[in-house]
């Protein structure tokens, strides 16, 4: 009697295994062949970099390498030493100006204040303003200038320091022209362009009609002015591209 029960038990187990094989094994094989298991395991370990948002903004490549902001160290309007490391993890706009500029600087900084206000809710947005007349533009002068223009973003640093180092940073580091010229109004000249930097310190911009990076954004013409001397304003584009980099 016990032998029969044992045989029945083996038969029952064999039947269950047969049913399992018929129903479930093909499903497992199909799942593996469809890479579902591999994909799910990958997701459980880590989020794939392909799933991260990357904007369509281009890098400025020099000798096949994306150009990164060089090291700098200057004093801001509050007398604090600021370096490029203070901007790590932040999206920021770069400009070169001077406080006694009688022409384009006031317009540039009014545009930047507008941009500041647009992104006031973002703690990882900033501005780096370097004076090209550091002899006159001390921290105290820059502080007064910041107050007059309504600069409130704690990541907006107006910086002063060694003039040669600032000019090298402008002309070589960012490829933004700046220089001293006694023959021009104000005694200094610069391009009036803004550079846009991503969270990792790379110079970024949208592409032109030929598929090349535009590199810079015109900082002189406001959204309200629309265009001047046949040139369209690019503040709207800059705002759009800042928003893209903040999502990266």
C-alpha atoms as a PDB file:
ATOM      1  CA  UNK A   1       0.000   0.000   0.000  1.00  0.00           C
ATOM      2  CA  UNK A   2       2.758   2.394   0.858  1.00  0.00           C
ATOM      3  CA  UNK A   3       4.536   1.547  -2.419  1.00  0.00           C
ATOM      4  CA  UNK A   4       1.479   2.540  -4.430  1.00  0.00           C
ATOM      5  CA  UNK A   5       1.209   5.851  -2.561  1.00  0.00           C
ATOM      6  CA  UNK A   6       4.851   6.559  -3.288  1.00  0.00           C
ATOM      7  CA  UNK A   7       4.330   5.833  -6.968  1.00  0.00           C
ATOM      8  CA  UNK A   8       1.294   8.100  -7.052  1.00  0.00           C
ATOM      9  CA  UNK A   9       3.334  10.874  -5.438  1.00  0.00           C
ATOM     10  CA  UNK A  10       6.084  10.558  -8.059  1.00  0.00           C
ATOM     11  CA  UNK A  11       3.485  10.563 -10.811  1.00  0.00           C
ATOM     12  CA  UNK A  12       1.869  13.719  -9.381  1.00  0.00           C
ATOM     13  CA  UNK A  13       5.179  15.549  -9.119  1.00  0.00           C
ATOM     14  CA  UNK A  14       6.113  14.537 -12.642  1.00  0.00           C
ATOM     15  CA  UNK A  15       2.768  15.794 -13.917  1.00  0.00           C
ATOM     16  CA  UNK A  16       3.246  19.182 -12.219  1.00  0.00           C
ATOM     17  CA  UNK A  17       6.746  19.519 -13.678  1.00  0.00           C
ATOM     18  CA  UNK A  18       5.405  18.665 -17.119  1.00  0.00           C
ATOM     19  CA  UNK A  19       2.711  21.338 -16.898  1.00  0.00           C
ATOM     20  CA  UNK A  20       5.248  23.902 -15.655  1.00  0.00           C
ATOM     21  CA  UNK A  21       7.552  23.110 -18.548  1.00  0.00           C
ATOM     22  CA  UNK A  22       4.803  23.395 -21.133  1.00  0.00           C
ATOM     23  CA  UNK A  23       3.391  26.669 -19.837  1.00  0.00           C
ATOM     24  CA  UNK A  24       6.210  28.655 -18.248  1.00  0.00           C
ATOM     25  CA  UNK A  25       9.526  27.661 -19.853  1.00  0.00           C
ATOM     26  CA  UNK A  26       8.595  29.089 -23.301  1.00  0.00           C
ATOM     27  CA  UNK A  27       7.672  32.365 -21.609  1.00  0.00           C
ATOM     28  CA  UNK A  28      11.021  32.549 -19.838  1.00  0.00           C
ATOM     29  CA  UNK A  29      12.866  31.779 -23.067  1.00  0.00           C
ATOM     30  CA  UNK A  30      10.947  34.476 -24.945  1.00  0.00           C
ATOM     31  CA  UNK A  31      11.603  36.975 -22.192  1.00  0.00           C
ATOM     32  CA  UNK A  32      15.335  36.315 -22.230  1.00  0.00           C
ATOM     33  CA  UNK A  33      15.476  36.446 -26.021  1.00  0.00           C
ATOM     34  CA  UNK A  34      13.677  39.800 -25.902  1.00  0.00           C
ATOM     35  CA  UNK A  35      16.313  41.175 -23.484  1.00  0.00           C
ATOM     36  CA  UNK A  36      13.614  42.079 -20.939  1.00  0.00           C
ATOM     37  CA  UNK A  37      15.542  40.474 -18.089  1.00  0.00           C
ATOM     38  CA  UNK A  38      18.757  42.235 -19.035  1.00  0.00           C
ATOM     39  CA  UNK A  39      17.022  45.594 -19.312  1.00  0.00           C
ATOM     40  CA  UNK A  40      15.227  45.238 -15.995  1.00  0.00           C
ATOM     41  CA  UNK A  41      18.403  44.190 -14.181  1.00  0.00           C
ATOM     42  CA  UNK A  42      20.229  47.167 -15.665  1.00  0.00           C
ATOM     43  CA  UNK A  43      17.532  49.517 -14.461  1.00  0.00           C
ATOM     44  CA  UNK A  44      17.551  48.030 -10.983  1.00  0.00           C
ATOM     45  CA  UNK A  45      21.325  48.533 -10.662  1.00  0.00           C
ATOM     46  CA  UNK A  46      21.583  52.023 -12.050  1.00  0.00           C
ATOM     47  CA  UNK A  47      19.799  54.451 -14.316  1.00  0.00           C
ATOM     48  CA  UNK A  48      21.387  54.233 -17.741  1.00  0.00           C
ATOM     49  CA  UNK A  49      23.118  57.371 -18.987  1.00  0.00           C
ATOM     50  CA  UNK A  50      21.012  57.030 -22.129  1.00  0.00           C
ATOM     51  CA  UNK A  51      17.951  57.753 -20.015  1.00  0.00           C
ATOM     52  CA  UNK A  52      19.390  61.050 -18.733  1.00  0.00           C
ATOM     53  CA  UNK A  53      18.329  64.277 -20.416  1.00  0.00           C
ATOM     54  CA  UNK A  54      20.971  65.761 -22.701  1.00  0.00           C
ATOM     55  CA  UNK A  55      20.127  68.960 -24.548  1.00  0.00           C
ATOM     56  CA  UNK A  56      20.871  69.669 -28.194  1.00  0.00           C
ATOM     57  CA  UNK A  57      23.325  72.452 -27.316  1.00  0.00           C
ATOM     58  CA  UNK A  58      26.771  72.081 -28.849  1.00  0.00           C
ATOM     59  CA  UNK A  59      30.220  72.129 -27.265  1.00  0.00           C
ATOM     60  CA  UNK A  60      32.981  74.451 -28.411  1.00  0.00           C
ATOM     61  CA  UNK A  61      35.636  71.972 -29.562  1.00  0.00           C
ATOM     62  CA  UNK A  62      39.292  72.993 -29.692  1.00  0.00           C
ATOM     63  CA  UNK A  63      41.691  70.433 -31.214  1.00  0.00           C
ATOM     64  CA  UNK A  64      38.987  67.817 -30.952  1.00  0.00           C
ATOM     65  CA  UNK A  65      38.313  68.432 -27.268  1.00  0.00           C
ATOM     66  CA  UNK A  66      35.371  70.317 -25.727  1.00  0.00           C
ATOM     67  CA  UNK A  67      36.607  73.602 -24.312  1.00  0.00           C
ATOM     68  CA  UNK A  68      36.330  73.977 -20.573  1.00  0.00           C
ATOM     69  CA  UNK A  69      36.495  77.121 -18.464  1.00  0.00           C
ATOM     70  CA  UNK A  70      40.114  77.625 -17.312  1.00  0.00           C
ATOM     71  CA  UNK A  71      41.046  78.121 -13.694  1.00  0.00           C
ATOM     72  CA  UNK A  72      40.484  81.638 -12.366  1.00  0.00           C
ATOM     73  CA  UNK A  73      40.597  83.299  -8.969  1.00  0.00           C
ATOM     74  CA  UNK A  74      39.417  86.860  -8.307  1.00  0.00           C
ATOM     75  CA  UNK A  75      37.770  88.992  -5.635  1.00  0.00           C
ATOM     76  CA  UNK A  76      34.033  89.677  -5.838  1.00  0.00           C
ATOM     77  CA  UNK A  77      31.899  92.642  -4.790  1.00  0.00           C
ATOM     78  CA  UNK A  78      31.760  91.333  -1.223  1.00  0.00           C
ATOM     79  CA  UNK A  79      35.522  90.993  -0.874  1.00  0.00           C
ATOM     80  CA  UNK A  80      35.386  87.194  -1.158  1.00  0.00           C
ATOM     81  CA  UNK A  81      37.743  85.128  -3.287  1.00  0.00           C
ATOM     82  CA  UNK A  82      35.809  83.399  -6.070  1.00  0.00           C
ATOM     83  CA  UNK A  83      37.229  80.687  -8.322  1.00  0.00           C
ATOM     84  CA  UNK A  84      35.854  78.582 -11.143  1.00  0.00           C
ATOM     85  CA  UNK A  85      35.169  75.862  -8.564  1.00  0.00           C
ATOM     86  CA  UNK A  86      32.491  78.060  -6.991  1.00  0.00           C
ATOM     87  CA  UNK A  87      30.517  77.621 -10.204  1.00  0.00           C
ATOM     88  CA  UNK A  88      30.782  73.834 -10.355  1.00  0.00           C
ATOM     89  CA  UNK A  89      27.331  72.273 -10.619  1.00  0.00           C
ATOM     90  CA  UNK A  90      25.851  75.561 -11.824  1.00  0.00           C
ATOM     91  CA  UNK A  91      24.746  76.905 -15.182  1.00  0.00           C
ATOM     92  CA  UNK A  92      26.092  80.430 -15.612  1.00  0.00           C
ATOM     93  CA  UNK A  93      26.559  83.313 -18.015  1.00  0.00           C
ATOM     94  CA  UNK A  94      29.918  85.062 -18.434  1.00  0.00           C
ATOM     95  CA  UNK A  95      30.452  88.718 -19.339  1.00  0.00           C
ATOM     96  CA  UNK A  96      33.311  91.234 -19.387  1.00  0.00           C
ATOM     97  CA  UNK A  97      32.415  94.837 -18.540  1.00  0.00           C
ATOM     98  CA  UNK A  98      33.476  97.903 -16.546  1.00  0.00           C
ATOM     99  CA  UNK A  99      31.431 100.109 -14.269  1.00  0.00           C
ATOM    100  CA  UNK A 100      32.161 103.429 -16.031  1.00  0.00           C
ATOM    101  CA  UNK A 101      31.306 102.061 -19.471  1.00  0.00           C
ATOM    102  CA  UNK A 102      29.258 104.776 -21.224  1.00  0.00           C
ATOM    103  CA  UNK A 103      27.929 102.631 -24.060  1.00  0.00           C
ATOM    104  CA  UNK A 104      27.096  98.920 -24.077  1.00  0.00           C
ATOM    105  CA  UNK A 105      27.678  97.749 -20.493  1.00  0.00           C
ATOM    106  CA  UNK A 106      24.511  99.278 -19.004  1.00  0.00           C
ATOM    107  CA  UNK A 107      22.450  97.552 -21.659  1.00  0.00           C
ATOM    108  CA  UNK A 108      24.240  94.245 -21.156  1.00  0.00           C
ATOM    109  CA  UNK A 109      23.680  94.280 -17.416  1.00  0.00           C
ATOM    110  CA  UNK A 110      20.038  95.303 -17.676  1.00  0.00           C
ATOM    111  CA  UNK A 111      19.579  92.245 -19.863  1.00  0.00           C
ATOM    112  CA  UNK A 112      21.413  90.081 -17.349  1.00  0.00           C
ATOM    113  CA  UNK A 113      19.259  91.385 -14.501  1.00  0.00           C
ATOM    114  CA  UNK A 114      16.204  90.402 -16.526  1.00  0.00           C
ATOM    115  CA  UNK A 115      17.690  86.925 -17.003  1.00  0.00           C
ATOM    116  CA  UNK A 116      18.492  86.808 -13.274  1.00  0.00           C
ATOM    117  CA  UNK A 117      14.845  87.516 -12.473  1.00  0.00           C
ATOM    118  CA  UNK A 118      13.622  84.918 -14.967  1.00  0.00           C
ATOM    119  CA  UNK A 119      15.607  82.188 -13.199  1.00  0.00           C
ATOM    120  CA  UNK A 120      15.246  83.482  -9.647  1.00  0.00           C
ATOM    121  CA  UNK A 121      13.854  80.125  -8.465  1.00  0.00           C
ATOM    122  CA  UNK A 122      16.950  78.208  -9.532  1.00  0.00           C
ATOM    123  CA  UNK A 123      19.704  77.965  -6.932  1.00  0.00           C
ATOM    124  CA  UNK A 124      22.072  76.469  -9.527  1.00  0.00           C
ATOM    125  CA  UNK A 125      22.007  79.451 -11.887  1.00  0.00           C
ATOM    126  CA  UNK A 126      24.583  82.226 -11.738  1.00  0.00           C
ATOM    127  CA  UNK A 127      26.481  84.977 -13.550  1.00  0.00           C
ATOM    128  CA  UNK A 128      30.217  85.701 -13.686  1.00  0.00           C
ATOM    129  CA  UNK A 129      31.023  89.355 -14.434  1.00  0.00           C
ATOM    130  CA  UNK A 130      34.675  90.334 -14.825  1.00  0.00           C
ATOM    131  CA  UNK A 131      35.681  93.986 -14.885  1.00  0.00           C
ATOM    132  CA  UNK A 132      38.225  94.975 -17.524  1.00  0.00           C
ATOM    133  CA  UNK A 133      39.110  98.098 -15.524  1.00  0.00           C
ATOM    134  CA  UNK A 134      40.141  96.522 -12.199  1.00  0.00           C
ATOM    135  CA  UNK A 135      42.274  99.510 -11.172  1.00  0.00           C
ATOM    136  CA  UNK A 136      39.163 101.592 -10.678  1.00  0.00           C
ATOM    137  CA  UNK A 137      36.613  98.838 -10.113  1.00  0.00           C
ATOM    138  CA  UNK A 138      37.412  97.744  -6.577  1.00  0.00           C
ATOM    139  CA  UNK A 139      35.155  95.483  -4.537  1.00  0.00           C
ATOM    140  CA  UNK A 140      33.495  98.549  -3.026  1.00  0.00           C
ATOM    141  CA  UNK A 141      32.799 100.035  -6.456  1.00  0.00           C
ATOM    142  CA  UNK A 142      31.444  96.723  -7.722  1.00  0.00           C
ATOM    143  CA  UNK A 143      29.213  96.394  -4.654  1.00  0.00           C
ATOM    144  CA  UNK A 144      27.685  99.800  -5.312  1.00  0.00           C
ATOM    145  CA  UNK A 145      27.222  98.915  -8.976  1.00  0.00           C
ATOM    146  CA  UNK A 146      25.482  95.656  -8.032  1.00  0.00           C
ATOM    147  CA  UNK A 147      23.130  97.473  -5.673  1.00  0.00           C
ATOM    148  CA  UNK A 148      22.265 100.089  -8.303  1.00  0.00           C
ATOM    149  CA  UNK A 149      21.377  97.456 -10.891  1.00  0.00           C
ATOM    150  CA  UNK A 150      19.357  95.260  -8.552  1.00  0.00           C
ATOM    151  CA  UNK A 151      21.746  92.316  -8.605  1.00  0.00           C
ATOM    152  CA  UNK A 152      20.429  89.939  -5.948  1.00  0.00           C
ATOM    153  CA  UNK A 153      21.424  86.446  -7.123  1.00  0.00           C
ATOM    154  CA  UNK A 154      23.973  85.103  -4.602  1.00  0.00           C
ATOM    155  CA  UNK A 155      25.689  83.285  -7.488  1.00  0.00           C
ATOM    156  CA  UNK A 156      26.232  86.498  -9.435  1.00  0.00           C
ATOM    157  CA  UNK A 157      29.795  87.549  -8.706  1.00  0.00           C
ATOM    158  CA  UNK A 158      31.257  90.808 -10.040  1.00  0.00           C
ATOM    159  CA  UNK A 159      34.996  90.185  -9.945  1.00  0.00           C
ATOM    160  CA  UNK A 160      38.147  92.249  -9.945  1.00  0.00           C
ATOM    161  CA  UNK A 161      41.841  91.441  -9.811  1.00  0.00           C
ATOM    162  CA  UNK A 162      45.009  91.479 -11.894  1.00  0.00           C
ATOM    163  CA  UNK A 163      44.295  93.180 -15.224  1.00  0.00           C
ATOM    164  CA  UNK A 164      46.576  90.985 -17.325  1.00  0.00           C
ATOM    165  CA  UNK A 165      45.013  87.844 -15.910  1.00  0.00           C
ATOM    166  CA  UNK A 166      41.522  89.161 -16.632  1.00  0.00           C
ATOM    167  CA  UNK A 167      42.451  90.020 -20.219  1.00  0.00           C
ATOM    168  CA  UNK A 168      43.989  86.593 -20.736  1.00  0.00           C
ATOM    169  CA  UNK A 169      40.850  84.988 -19.325  1.00  0.00           C
ATOM    170  CA  UNK A 170      38.708  87.019 -21.720  1.00  0.00           C
ATOM    171  CA  UNK A 171      40.732  86.707 -24.905  1.00  0.00           C
ATOM    172  CA  UNK A 172      42.126  83.191 -24.471  1.00  0.00           C
ATOM    173  CA  UNK A 173      39.910  81.507 -21.907  1.00  0.00           C
ATOM    174  CA  UNK A 174      36.565  82.562 -23.349  1.00  0.00           C
ATOM    175  CA  UNK A 175      37.563  84.027 -26.726  1.00  0.00           C
ATOM    176  CA  UNK A 176      35.669  87.190 -25.809  1.00  0.00           C
ATOM    177  CA  UNK A 177      37.582  90.262 -26.893  1.00  0.00           C
ATOM    178  CA  UNK A 178      38.525  92.785 -24.219  1.00  0.00           C
ATOM    179  CA  UNK A 179      41.259  95.415 -24.244  1.00  0.00           C
ATOM    180  CA  UNK A 180      42.349  98.892 -23.267  1.00  0.00           C
ATOM    181  CA  UNK A 181      42.123 101.622 -25.906  1.00  0.00           C
ATOM    182  CA  UNK A 182      42.469 105.260 -24.981  1.00  0.00           C
ATOM    183  CA  UNK A 183      41.029 106.303 -28.335  1.00  0.00           C
ATOM    184  CA  UNK A 184      37.584 104.852 -27.712  1.00  0.00           C
ATOM    185  CA  UNK A 185      34.903 106.290 -25.474  1.00  0.00           C
ATOM    186  CA  UNK A 186      35.486 105.112 -21.916  1.00  0.00           C
ATOM    187  CA  UNK A 187      39.066 104.008 -22.604  1.00  0.00           C
ATOM    188  CA  UNK A 188      38.248 100.295 -22.880  1.00  0.00           C
ATOM    189  CA  UNK A 189      36.624  98.126 -25.505  1.00  0.00           C
ATOM    190  CA  UNK A 190      35.013  94.703 -25.513  1.00  0.00           C
ATOM    191  CA  UNK A 191      32.670  92.668 -27.655  1.00  0.00           C
ATOM    192  CA  UNK A 192      29.483  92.769 -25.610  1.00  0.00           C
ATOM    193  CA  UNK A 193      28.940  89.032 -26.016  1.00  0.00           C
ATOM    194  CA  UNK A 194      27.863  86.546 -23.363  1.00  0.00           C
ATOM    195  CA  UNK A 195      29.226  83.014 -22.979  1.00  0.00           C
ATOM    196  CA  UNK A 196      27.069  80.205 -21.587  1.00  0.00           C
ATOM    197  CA  UNK A 197      28.639  77.560 -19.329  1.00  0.00           C
ATOM    198  CA  UNK A 198      27.115  74.244 -18.298  1.00  0.00           C
ATOM    199  CA  UNK A 199      27.221  72.527 -14.905  1.00  0.00           C
ATOM    200  CA  UNK A 200      30.465  70.768 -15.770  1.00  0.00           C
ATOM    201  CA  UNK A 201      32.293  73.933 -16.814  1.00  0.00           C
ATOM    202  CA  UNK A 202      32.036  73.501 -20.598  1.00  0.00           C
ATOM    203  CA  UNK A 203      31.248  76.343 -22.993  1.00  0.00           C
ATOM    204  CA  UNK A 204      27.962  75.550 -24.735  1.00  0.00           C
ATOM    205  CA  UNK A 205      25.791  77.158 -27.406  1.00  0.00           C
ATOM    206  CA  UNK A 206      23.253  76.356 -30.086  1.00  0.00           C
ATOM    207  CA  UNK A 207      24.314  75.753 -33.671  1.00  0.00           C
ATOM    208  CA  UNK A 208      24.224  78.215 -36.541  1.00  0.00           C
ATOM    209  CA  UNK A 209      22.738  77.657 -39.985  1.00  0.00           C
ATOM    210  CA  UNK A 210      25.860  75.752 -41.041  1.00  0.00           C
ATOM    211  CA  UNK A 211      25.785  73.316 -38.133  1.00  0.00           C
ATOM    212  CA  UNK A 212      28.598  75.024 -36.206  1.00  0.00           C
ATOM    213  CA  UNK A 213      28.343  76.284 -32.613  1.00  0.00           C
ATOM    214  CA  UNK A 214      27.392  79.958 -32.392  1.00  0.00           C
ATOM    215  CA  UNK A 215      29.728  80.137 -29.370  1.00  0.00           C
ATOM    216  CA  UNK A 216      28.324  83.416 -28.011  1.00  0.00           C
ATOM    217  CA  UNK A 217      25.096  85.324 -27.458  1.00  0.00           C
ATOM    218  CA  UNK A 218      24.704  89.023 -28.213  1.00  0.00           C
ATOM    219  CA  UNK A 219      24.273  90.765 -24.894  1.00  0.00           C
ATOM    220  CA  UNK A 220      23.558  94.268 -26.122  1.00  0.00           C
ATOM    221  CA  UNK A 221      20.113  94.070 -27.705  1.00  0.00           C
ATOM    222  CA  UNK A 222      17.186  93.473 -25.367  1.00  0.00           C
ATOM    223  CA  UNK A 223      14.061  91.460 -26.023  1.00  0.00           C
ATOM    224  CA  UNK A 224      12.103  94.699 -26.125  1.00  0.00           C
ATOM    225  CA  UNK A 225      14.375  96.267 -28.733  1.00  0.00           C
ATOM    226  CA  UNK A 226      14.111  93.157 -30.956  1.00  0.00           C
ATOM    227  CA  UNK A 227      16.845  94.285 -33.338  1.00  0.00           C
ATOM    228  CA  UNK A 228      19.384  97.025 -33.922  1.00  0.00           C
ATOM    229  CA  UNK A 229      21.298  97.852 -37.095  1.00  0.00           C
ATOM    230  CA  UNK A 230      19.806  94.802 -38.735  1.00  0.00           C
ATOM    231  CA  UNK A 231      20.865  92.427 -35.935  1.00  0.00           C
ATOM    232  CA  UNK A 232      18.222  90.454 -34.064  1.00  0.00           C
ATOM    233  CA  UNK A 233      18.257  90.103 -30.286  1.00  0.00           C
ATOM    234  CA  UNK A 234      19.517  86.845 -28.780  1.00  0.00           C
ATOM    235  CA  UNK A 235      18.421  87.224 -25.158  1.00  0.00           C
ATOM    236  CA  UNK A 236      15.387  85.051 -25.874  1.00  0.00           C
ATOM    237  CA  UNK A 237      17.657  82.337 -27.271  1.00  0.00           C
ATOM    238  CA  UNK A 238      19.938  82.622 -24.249  1.00  0.00           C
ATOM    239  CA  UNK A 239      17.017  82.146 -21.859  1.00  0.00           C
ATOM    240  CA  UNK A 240      15.842  79.093 -23.768  1.00  0.00           C
ATOM    241  CA  UNK A 241      19.315  77.567 -23.695  1.00  0.00           C
ATOM    242  CA  UNK A 242      19.836  78.289 -19.996  1.00  0.00           C
ATOM    243  CA  UNK A 243      16.618  76.386 -19.321  1.00  0.00           C
ATOM    244  CA  UNK A 244      17.925  73.437 -21.361  1.00  0.00           C
ATOM    245  CA  UNK A 245      21.195  73.258 -19.454  1.00  0.00           C
ATOM    246  CA  UNK A 246      19.417  73.500 -16.104  1.00  0.00           C
ATOM    247  CA  UNK A 247      17.599  70.268 -17.015  1.00  0.00           C
ATOM    248  CA  UNK A 248      20.827  68.379 -17.754  1.00  0.00           C
END
